[in-house]
Every structure is written in C-alpha cells, then in structure tokens.
Protein backbone atom coordinates (compact mmCIF):
# COMPACT_ATOMS: atom_id res chain seq x y z
CA MET A 1 156.94 65.93 99.95
CA ASN A 2 157.96 69.45 100.40
CA ARG A 3 155.92 72.27 99.07
CA TRP A 4 157.20 75.03 97.07
CA ILE A 5 157.14 78.43 98.32
CA PRO A 6 157.83 81.42 96.44
CA ILE A 7 160.63 83.81 97.72
CA SER A 8 160.15 86.83 99.81
CA ARG A 9 161.06 90.46 98.94
CA ASP A 10 163.44 90.37 102.19
CA GLU A 11 164.77 86.93 100.74
CA LEU A 12 165.55 88.79 97.27
CA GLU A 13 166.63 91.60 99.05
CA GLU A 14 169.53 89.38 100.85
CA LEU A 15 170.20 87.14 97.57
CA VAL A 16 170.92 90.68 95.45
CA SER A 17 173.38 92.37 98.25
CA ALA A 18 175.37 88.56 98.36
CA GLN A 19 175.29 88.44 94.71
CA LEU A 20 176.71 92.23 94.28
CA THR A 21 179.44 91.74 97.14
CA GLU A 22 180.37 89.06 94.34
CA CYS A 23 180.11 91.45 91.15
CA SER A 24 182.66 93.69 89.43
CA PRO A 25 182.85 97.10 90.73
CA GLU A 26 181.50 97.72 87.62
CA HIS A 27 178.55 95.48 87.63
CA ALA A 28 177.48 97.00 91.21
CA GLN A 29 177.53 100.07 89.82
CA GLN A 30 175.87 99.46 86.75
CA PHE A 31 173.14 97.84 88.67
CA ALA A 32 172.95 100.83 91.49
CA ARG A 33 172.32 102.74 88.70
CA LEU A 34 170.09 100.59 86.90
CA ARG A 35 168.02 99.39 90.66
CA VAL A 36 164.28 100.01 91.21
CA PRO A 37 162.09 99.53 94.57
CA PHE A 38 161.48 96.06 94.24
CA ARG A 39 158.09 94.93 92.85
CA ALA A 40 156.00 92.20 92.00
CA VAL A 41 154.54 91.83 88.77
CA SER A 42 152.56 89.21 86.68
CA VAL A 43 154.05 86.40 84.71
CA ILE A 44 152.76 84.02 82.67
CA ARG A 45 154.38 79.94 82.88
CA ASP A 46 152.49 77.33 81.22
CA GLY A 47 149.43 79.18 80.67
CA VAL A 48 149.26 80.07 84.80
CA SER A 49 149.72 83.74 86.00
CA GLU A 50 152.28 83.77 88.86
CA SER A 51 154.33 86.50 90.37
CA VAL A 52 157.89 87.57 90.07
CA PHE A 53 159.67 90.64 91.48
CA ILE A 54 161.27 93.13 89.12
CA VAL A 55 164.78 94.40 90.56
CA ALA A 56 166.08 96.88 87.70
CA GLN A 57 164.61 98.49 84.99
CA LEU A 58 166.14 100.39 82.02
CA GLU A 59 163.40 101.46 79.71
CA GLU A 60 160.76 98.77 78.97
CA MET A 61 163.25 96.08 79.80
CA ALA A 62 163.56 94.72 83.09
CA ILE A 63 165.98 92.46 85.00
CA TYR A 64 163.29 90.36 86.94
CA TYR A 65 164.26 87.30 89.47
CA GLU A 66 162.76 83.83 88.28
CA ASP A 67 162.43 81.58 91.63
CA VAL A 68 160.71 78.78 89.84
CA GLU A 69 164.41 78.70 88.15
CA ASP A 70 166.29 80.18 90.68
CA GLY A 71 167.93 82.73 88.24
CA PHE A 72 167.72 85.96 87.20
CA ASN A 73 166.17 87.12 83.52
CA VAL A 74 166.00 89.86 81.23
CA SER A 75 162.61 90.56 79.52
CA ALA A 76 160.63 93.12 78.15
CA VAL A 77 157.74 94.74 80.34
CA ALA A 78 154.21 94.54 78.74
CA PRO A 79 152.07 98.16 79.27
CA ASP A 80 150.67 96.64 81.49
CA GLY A 81 153.44 95.84 83.95
CA SER A 82 153.89 92.19 83.43
CA ILE A 83 156.84 90.55 82.36
CA ALA A 84 156.20 90.31 78.74
CA THR A 85 158.99 87.77 77.16
CA PRO A 86 159.64 85.60 80.16
CA GLY A 87 162.50 83.43 80.19
CA PHE A 88 164.22 80.48 82.04
CA GLU A 89 167.76 81.11 82.18
CA GLN A 90 169.29 80.70 85.77
CA TRP A 91 172.11 83.56 85.42
CA THR A 92 173.19 85.77 88.74
CA ILE A 93 172.77 89.56 89.00
CA ALA A 94 176.30 90.25 87.35
CA ASP A 95 174.82 87.85 84.14
CA ALA A 96 171.58 89.73 84.01
CA ILE A 97 173.45 92.91 83.92
CA GLN A 98 175.45 91.79 80.92
CA HIS A 99 172.63 91.05 79.04
CA LEU A 100 170.64 93.95 79.69
CA LEU A 101 173.00 96.01 78.69
CA ALA A 102 174.09 93.74 75.91
CA LEU A 103 170.64 94.36 73.97
CA PRO A 104 170.88 96.41 71.12
CA TYR A 105 169.29 99.78 71.67
CA ASP A 106 166.33 99.75 69.09
CA CYS A 107 165.39 96.63 71.56
CA VAL A 108 165.75 98.39 74.44
CA ARG A 109 163.57 101.46 73.57
CA ARG A 110 160.65 99.40 71.41
CA GLY A 111 160.51 96.18 73.88
CA PRO A 112 158.88 93.08 72.59
CA THR A 113 158.26 93.92 69.52
CA SER A 114 161.67 94.79 68.22
CA SER A 115 164.25 91.94 67.27
CA LEU A 116 167.32 90.97 69.17
CA ARG A 117 169.82 90.69 66.02
C-alpha cells in the first residue's frame, strides 16, 4: 500500500504553470491579477487540521489547491487565515477562477457569512 504524500510547493508551481498553458488568455490574465505567493494554510477535514496551499485571492475569497481531491477550490478565508468553507471540487485552475469571479459581489465582500444566491 502506497503512503499518501502531500503536494509540495514546487510540484504545485509546476501544476499551476501546466494548467495555465491550457487556459484561455483571459483566465491566465485573471489568475496573474489574483495570484498570491503560494502559502500553506490550515483546513479542517473530517475534524482533523491539515494543510492546503492558497494560490490566488480576491478580498476574503481564495482559490486553494486541495491535493486530497486533486483539484482547486474556492473558499472564504477565516480571520485566522485558514480555509473557512472547504470544498471537495476537482476543478482546474480555470474552473476555479471562473467560479471565484462569478461569486456575487456581496459574498466576496463579506466572506463566509454571506449567502450564495
């Protein structure tokens, strides 16, 4: 049985770069505008604190890579910097950018307490 090993920052850089080459120019430009230095943050999975990387951020909302699900997700960032609303999507970076930018303005401004309409 193989032991699961979390993705490294370097591996994630390679993954993002590869996916950006497959994105539309618009998505690549949007990612460049939203990109942040990759940072590891806490996420609670099944009651256990683990780590994921935030790769882009718009106000309180972030795109992060969920290596257990092998995809990107969008979540509000909690005041302590952790992922507030973890997801289980297996989106590409283009999908995550599209979902982040499609969120209602009030959700992006207020974070996890807002409702998605």
